Amino acid sequence: MLNWRKGAEHDPKEMGFLDHLEELRWVLIRGGVVLLVLAIVVFNFSGWIFDSIIIHPLSTCRESAGHDEHQHVVGLHPGTALYLLGDLAIRRSRTLPA
């Protein structure tokens, strides 16, 4: 096991309950910090992500299909899309062999 803290030379088998809670606390803190940093980075690049990753393939597909740029593509409400994805996941999980 890697010890991230200096001076932490405990054998996991010899650690007590409170020592395990301390390790869990630090793992959760590090994970939270990483998520916060990633959220800030993604928020700062959200315009580029939206334009380059989400919109660009749609516009490329519409251009190759010969659609006029003034024609609008009818889309789903985000809640409806999430509902359909969840429904698909549930149906797929029911068909998996036990």
N, C-alpha and C. Protein backbone atom coordinates (compact mmCIF):
# COMPACT_ATOMS: atom_id res chain seq x y z
N MET A 1 0.84 -1.17 0.00
CA MET A 1 0.00 0.00 0.00
C MET A 1 0.89 1.23 0.00
N LEU A 2 0.54 2.20 -0.82
CA LEU A 2 1.29 3.45 -0.86
C LEU A 2 0.88 4.34 0.29
N ASN A 3 1.86 4.88 0.97
CA ASN A 3 1.58 5.83 2.04
C ASN A 3 1.79 7.23 1.53
N TRP A 4 0.73 7.99 1.45
CA TRP A 4 0.78 9.34 0.89
C TRP A 4 1.26 10.35 1.91
N ARG A 5 1.01 10.09 3.16
CA ARG A 5 1.41 11.05 4.19
C ARG A 5 2.81 10.72 4.69
N LYS A 6 3.57 11.76 4.98
CA LYS A 6 4.91 11.55 5.52
C LYS A 6 4.78 11.00 6.94
N GLY A 7 5.61 10.06 7.24
CA GLY A 7 5.60 9.49 8.58
C GLY A 7 4.54 8.42 8.77
N ALA A 8 3.76 8.13 7.74
CA ALA A 8 2.73 7.10 7.86
C ALA A 8 3.33 5.77 7.45
N GLU A 9 3.81 5.05 8.42
CA GLU A 9 4.44 3.77 8.13
C GLU A 9 3.69 2.64 8.84
N HIS A 10 2.37 2.76 8.82
CA HIS A 10 1.55 1.74 9.48
C HIS A 10 1.29 0.59 8.52
N ASP A 11 1.32 -0.59 9.06
CA ASP A 11 0.90 -1.75 8.31
C ASP A 11 -0.63 -1.78 8.34
N PRO A 12 -1.30 -1.91 7.18
CA PRO A 12 -2.76 -1.87 7.18
C PRO A 12 -3.39 -2.91 8.08
N LYS A 13 -2.69 -4.02 8.30
CA LYS A 13 -3.24 -5.07 9.17
C LYS A 13 -3.17 -4.66 10.63
N GLU A 14 -2.28 -3.74 10.97
CA GLU A 14 -2.11 -3.33 12.36
C GLU A 14 -2.81 -2.02 12.68
N MET A 15 -3.45 -1.42 11.69
CA MET A 15 -4.13 -0.16 11.91
C MET A 15 -5.43 -0.39 12.67
N GLY A 16 -5.75 0.54 13.57
CA GLY A 16 -6.99 0.46 14.29
C GLY A 16 -8.12 1.09 13.51
N PHE A 17 -9.30 1.06 14.10
CA PHE A 17 -10.48 1.60 13.43
C PHE A 17 -10.33 3.09 13.16
N LEU A 18 -9.84 3.84 14.13
CA LEU A 18 -9.69 5.29 13.95
C LEU A 18 -8.62 5.62 12.91
N ASP A 19 -7.58 4.78 12.83
CA ASP A 19 -6.56 4.98 11.79
C ASP A 19 -7.16 4.78 10.40
N HIS A 20 -8.04 3.79 10.26
CA HIS A 20 -8.71 3.57 8.99
C HIS A 20 -9.62 4.74 8.64
N LEU A 21 -10.31 5.29 9.64
CA LEU A 21 -11.15 6.46 9.40
C LEU A 21 -10.31 7.66 8.97
N GLU A 22 -9.14 7.80 9.56
CA GLU A 22 -8.24 8.90 9.17
C GLU A 22 -7.80 8.74 7.71
N GLU A 23 -7.45 7.52 7.31
CA GLU A 23 -7.08 7.26 5.93
C GLU A 23 -8.25 7.56 4.99
N LEU A 24 -9.45 7.13 5.37
CA LEU A 24 -10.63 7.39 4.55
C LEU A 24 -10.88 8.88 4.42
N ARG A 25 -10.71 9.60 5.51
CA ARG A 25 -10.90 11.05 5.48
C ARG A 25 -9.97 11.71 4.47
N TRP A 26 -8.70 11.33 4.48
CA TRP A 26 -7.75 11.93 3.55
C TRP A 26 -8.02 11.53 2.10
N VAL A 27 -8.45 10.31 1.89
CA VAL A 27 -8.81 9.89 0.53
C VAL A 27 -9.99 10.71 0.03
N LEU A 28 -11.00 10.92 0.87
CA LEU A 28 -12.15 11.71 0.48
C LEU A 28 -11.78 13.17 0.24
N ILE A 29 -10.90 13.72 1.06
CA ILE A 29 -10.46 15.10 0.87
C ILE A 29 -9.70 15.25 -0.44
N ARG A 30 -8.78 14.34 -0.70
CA ARG A 30 -8.03 14.40 -1.97
C ARG A 30 -8.97 14.25 -3.16
N GLY A 31 -9.91 13.34 -3.08
CA GLY A 31 -10.87 13.15 -4.16
C GLY A 31 -11.72 14.40 -4.38
N GLY A 32 -12.15 15.03 -3.31
CA GLY A 32 -12.93 16.26 -3.42
C GLY A 32 -12.15 17.39 -4.05
N VAL A 33 -10.88 17.50 -3.69
CA VAL A 33 -10.03 18.54 -4.27
C VAL A 33 -9.84 18.29 -5.77
N VAL A 34 -9.62 17.05 -6.15
CA VAL A 34 -9.46 16.72 -7.56
C VAL A 34 -10.74 17.04 -8.33
N LEU A 35 -11.90 16.68 -7.78
CA LEU A 35 -13.16 16.98 -8.45
C LEU A 35 -13.38 18.48 -8.58
N LEU A 36 -13.02 19.23 -7.56
CA LEU A 36 -13.17 20.69 -7.60
C LEU A 36 -12.27 21.29 -8.68
N VAL A 37 -11.03 20.85 -8.74
CA VAL A 37 -10.10 21.37 -9.76
C VAL A 37 -10.60 21.01 -11.16
N LEU A 38 -11.05 19.78 -11.35
CA LEU A 38 -11.56 19.37 -12.66
C LEU A 38 -12.81 20.16 -13.04
N ALA A 39 -13.68 20.42 -12.08
CA ALA A 39 -14.89 21.20 -12.36
C ALA A 39 -14.53 22.61 -12.79
N ILE A 40 -13.53 23.22 -12.14
CA ILE A 40 -13.10 24.57 -12.50
C ILE A 40 -12.50 24.58 -13.91
N VAL A 41 -11.68 23.59 -14.22
CA VAL A 41 -11.07 23.52 -15.55
C VAL A 41 -12.14 23.32 -16.62
N VAL A 42 -13.06 22.40 -16.39
CA VAL A 42 -14.12 22.14 -17.38
C VAL A 42 -15.00 23.38 -17.53
N PHE A 43 -15.30 24.08 -16.44
CA PHE A 43 -16.11 25.29 -16.52
C PHE A 43 -15.40 26.35 -17.35
N ASN A 44 -14.10 26.50 -17.17
CA ASN A 44 -13.35 27.49 -17.93
C ASN A 44 -13.31 27.17 -19.42
N PHE A 45 -13.32 25.90 -19.78
CA PHE A 45 -13.28 25.50 -21.18
C PHE A 45 -14.64 25.06 -21.69
N SER A 46 -15.71 25.40 -20.99
CA SER A 46 -17.04 24.92 -21.37
C SER A 46 -17.47 25.44 -22.74
N GLY A 47 -17.10 26.66 -23.08
CA GLY A 47 -17.44 27.19 -24.41
C GLY A 47 -16.79 26.38 -25.51
N TRP A 48 -15.51 26.09 -25.36
CA TRP A 48 -14.80 25.29 -26.36
C TRP A 48 -15.36 23.88 -26.41
N ILE A 49 -15.63 23.29 -25.24
CA ILE A 49 -16.18 21.92 -25.19
C ILE A 49 -17.51 21.88 -25.90
N PHE A 50 -18.37 22.86 -25.62
CA PHE A 50 -19.69 22.87 -26.24
C PHE A 50 -19.58 23.06 -27.75
N ASP A 51 -18.77 24.04 -28.19
CA ASP A 51 -18.66 24.32 -29.62
C ASP A 51 -17.95 23.22 -30.39
N SER A 52 -16.87 22.69 -29.85
CA SER A 52 -16.04 21.74 -30.59
C SER A 52 -16.50 20.29 -30.46
N ILE A 53 -17.04 19.94 -29.33
CA ILE A 53 -17.37 18.53 -29.10
C ILE A 53 -18.86 18.26 -29.31
N ILE A 54 -19.71 19.19 -28.90
CA ILE A 54 -21.14 18.93 -28.97
C ILE A 54 -21.73 19.45 -30.28
N ILE A 55 -21.45 20.69 -30.63
CA ILE A 55 -22.08 21.31 -31.79
C ILE A 55 -21.39 20.94 -33.11
N HIS A 56 -20.08 20.86 -33.11
CA HIS A 56 -19.35 20.62 -34.37
C HIS A 56 -19.78 19.33 -35.08
N PRO A 57 -19.88 18.19 -34.39
CA PRO A 57 -20.33 16.98 -35.11
C PRO A 57 -21.73 17.13 -35.69
N LEU A 58 -22.61 17.83 -34.98
CA LEU A 58 -23.96 18.03 -35.48
C LEU A 58 -23.95 18.90 -36.74
N SER A 59 -23.18 19.98 -36.71
CA SER A 59 -23.13 20.85 -37.88
C SER A 59 -22.46 20.15 -39.06
N THR A 60 -21.44 19.35 -38.80
CA THR A 60 -20.77 18.59 -39.86
C THR A 60 -21.73 17.58 -40.48
N CYS A 61 -22.50 16.93 -39.64
CA CYS A 61 -23.47 15.94 -40.12
C CYS A 61 -24.55 16.62 -40.96
N ARG A 62 -25.01 17.76 -40.51
CA ARG A 62 -26.04 18.49 -41.25
C ARG A 62 -25.50 18.98 -42.59
N GLU A 63 -24.24 19.43 -42.63
CA GLU A 63 -23.64 19.89 -43.88
C GLU A 63 -23.49 18.74 -44.86
N SER A 64 -23.07 17.57 -44.36
CA SER A 64 -22.88 16.44 -45.26
C SER A 64 -24.22 15.91 -45.77
N ALA A 65 -25.29 16.13 -45.01
CA ALA A 65 -26.61 15.69 -45.44
C ALA A 65 -27.26 16.70 -46.37
N GLY A 66 -26.64 17.88 -46.54
CA GLY A 66 -27.16 18.88 -47.45
C GLY A 66 -28.24 19.76 -46.85
N HIS A 67 -28.33 19.82 -45.53
CA HIS A 67 -29.34 20.66 -44.89
C HIS A 67 -28.88 22.11 -44.91
N ASP A 68 -29.84 22.99 -45.02
CA ASP A 68 -29.58 24.42 -44.96
C ASP A 68 -29.26 24.79 -43.52
N GLU A 69 -28.38 25.75 -43.32
CA GLU A 69 -27.99 26.12 -41.96
C GLU A 69 -29.13 26.78 -41.20
N HIS A 70 -30.18 27.23 -41.92
CA HIS A 70 -31.31 27.85 -41.25
C HIS A 70 -32.36 26.84 -40.81
N GLN A 71 -32.22 25.60 -41.26
CA GLN A 71 -33.13 24.57 -40.80
C GLN A 71 -32.73 24.16 -39.40
N HIS A 72 -33.71 23.93 -38.57
CA HIS A 72 -33.43 23.58 -37.18
C HIS A 72 -33.65 22.10 -36.97
N VAL A 73 -32.78 21.54 -36.17
CA VAL A 73 -32.92 20.14 -35.81
C VAL A 73 -33.72 20.07 -34.52
N VAL A 74 -34.77 19.26 -34.54
CA VAL A 74 -35.59 19.12 -33.35
C VAL A 74 -34.85 18.20 -32.39
N GLY A 75 -34.66 18.67 -31.17
CA GLY A 75 -33.92 17.89 -30.18
C GLY A 75 -34.81 17.52 -29.01
N LEU A 76 -34.24 16.77 -28.12
CA LEU A 76 -34.94 16.36 -26.92
C LEU A 76 -34.60 17.30 -25.78
N HIS A 77 -35.53 17.45 -24.89
CA HIS A 77 -35.27 18.17 -23.65
C HIS A 77 -34.26 17.34 -22.86
N PRO A 78 -33.30 17.98 -22.16
CA PRO A 78 -32.29 17.20 -21.42
C PRO A 78 -32.90 16.21 -20.44
N GLY A 79 -34.00 16.57 -19.81
CA GLY A 79 -34.65 15.64 -18.87
C GLY A 79 -35.17 14.41 -19.58
N THR A 80 -35.73 14.60 -20.78
CA THR A 80 -36.23 13.48 -21.56
C THR A 80 -35.09 12.57 -22.00
N ALA A 81 -33.98 13.18 -22.41
CA ALA A 81 -32.82 12.38 -22.82
C ALA A 81 -32.29 11.55 -21.66
N LEU A 82 -32.21 12.15 -20.46
CA LEU A 82 -31.74 11.39 -19.30
C LEU A 82 -32.71 10.27 -18.94
N TYR A 83 -34.01 10.55 -19.07
CA TYR A 83 -35.00 9.51 -18.80
C TYR A 83 -34.82 8.33 -19.76
N LEU A 84 -34.63 8.64 -21.04
CA LEU A 84 -34.47 7.58 -22.03
C LEU A 84 -33.19 6.78 -21.79
N LEU A 85 -32.10 7.47 -21.42
CA LEU A 85 -30.85 6.75 -21.12
C LEU A 85 -31.02 5.85 -19.90
N GLY A 86 -31.68 6.36 -18.87
CA GLY A 86 -31.92 5.54 -17.68
C GLY A 86 -32.79 4.34 -17.99
N ASP A 87 -33.83 4.56 -18.79
CA ASP A 87 -34.72 3.47 -19.18
C ASP A 87 -33.96 2.41 -19.97
N LEU A 88 -33.10 2.86 -20.88
CA LEU A 88 -32.29 1.92 -21.65
C LEU A 88 -31.36 1.12 -20.75
N ALA A 89 -30.74 1.80 -19.78
CA ALA A 89 -29.84 1.11 -18.86
C ALA A 89 -30.58 0.06 -18.03
N ILE A 90 -31.79 0.40 -17.57
CA ILE A 90 -32.57 -0.55 -16.78
C ILE A 90 -32.97 -1.74 -17.62
N ARG A 91 -33.45 -1.48 -18.84
CA ARG A 91 -33.85 -2.60 -19.70
C ARG A 91 -32.66 -3.49 -20.04
N ARG A 92 -31.50 -2.88 -20.28
CA ARG A 92 -30.32 -3.67 -20.61
C ARG A 92 -29.88 -4.50 -19.41
N SER A 93 -29.96 -3.92 -18.20
CA SER A 93 -29.53 -4.67 -17.01
C SER A 93 -30.46 -5.83 -16.73
N ARG A 94 -31.73 -5.73 -17.12
CA ARG A 94 -32.67 -6.83 -16.91
C ARG A 94 -32.41 -7.99 -17.85
N THR A 95 -31.78 -7.72 -18.97
CA THR A 95 -31.54 -8.78 -19.95
C THR A 95 -30.20 -9.47 -19.75
N LEU A 96 -29.38 -8.97 -18.82
CA LEU A 96 -28.09 -9.60 -18.58
C LEU A 96 -28.27 -10.95 -17.90
N PRO A 97 -27.46 -11.92 -18.25
CA PRO A 97 -27.56 -13.22 -17.58
C PRO A 97 -27.13 -13.12 -16.12
N ALA A 98 -27.77 -13.89 -15.29
CA ALA A 98 -27.47 -13.85 -13.85
C ALA A 98 -26.26 -14.64 -13.51
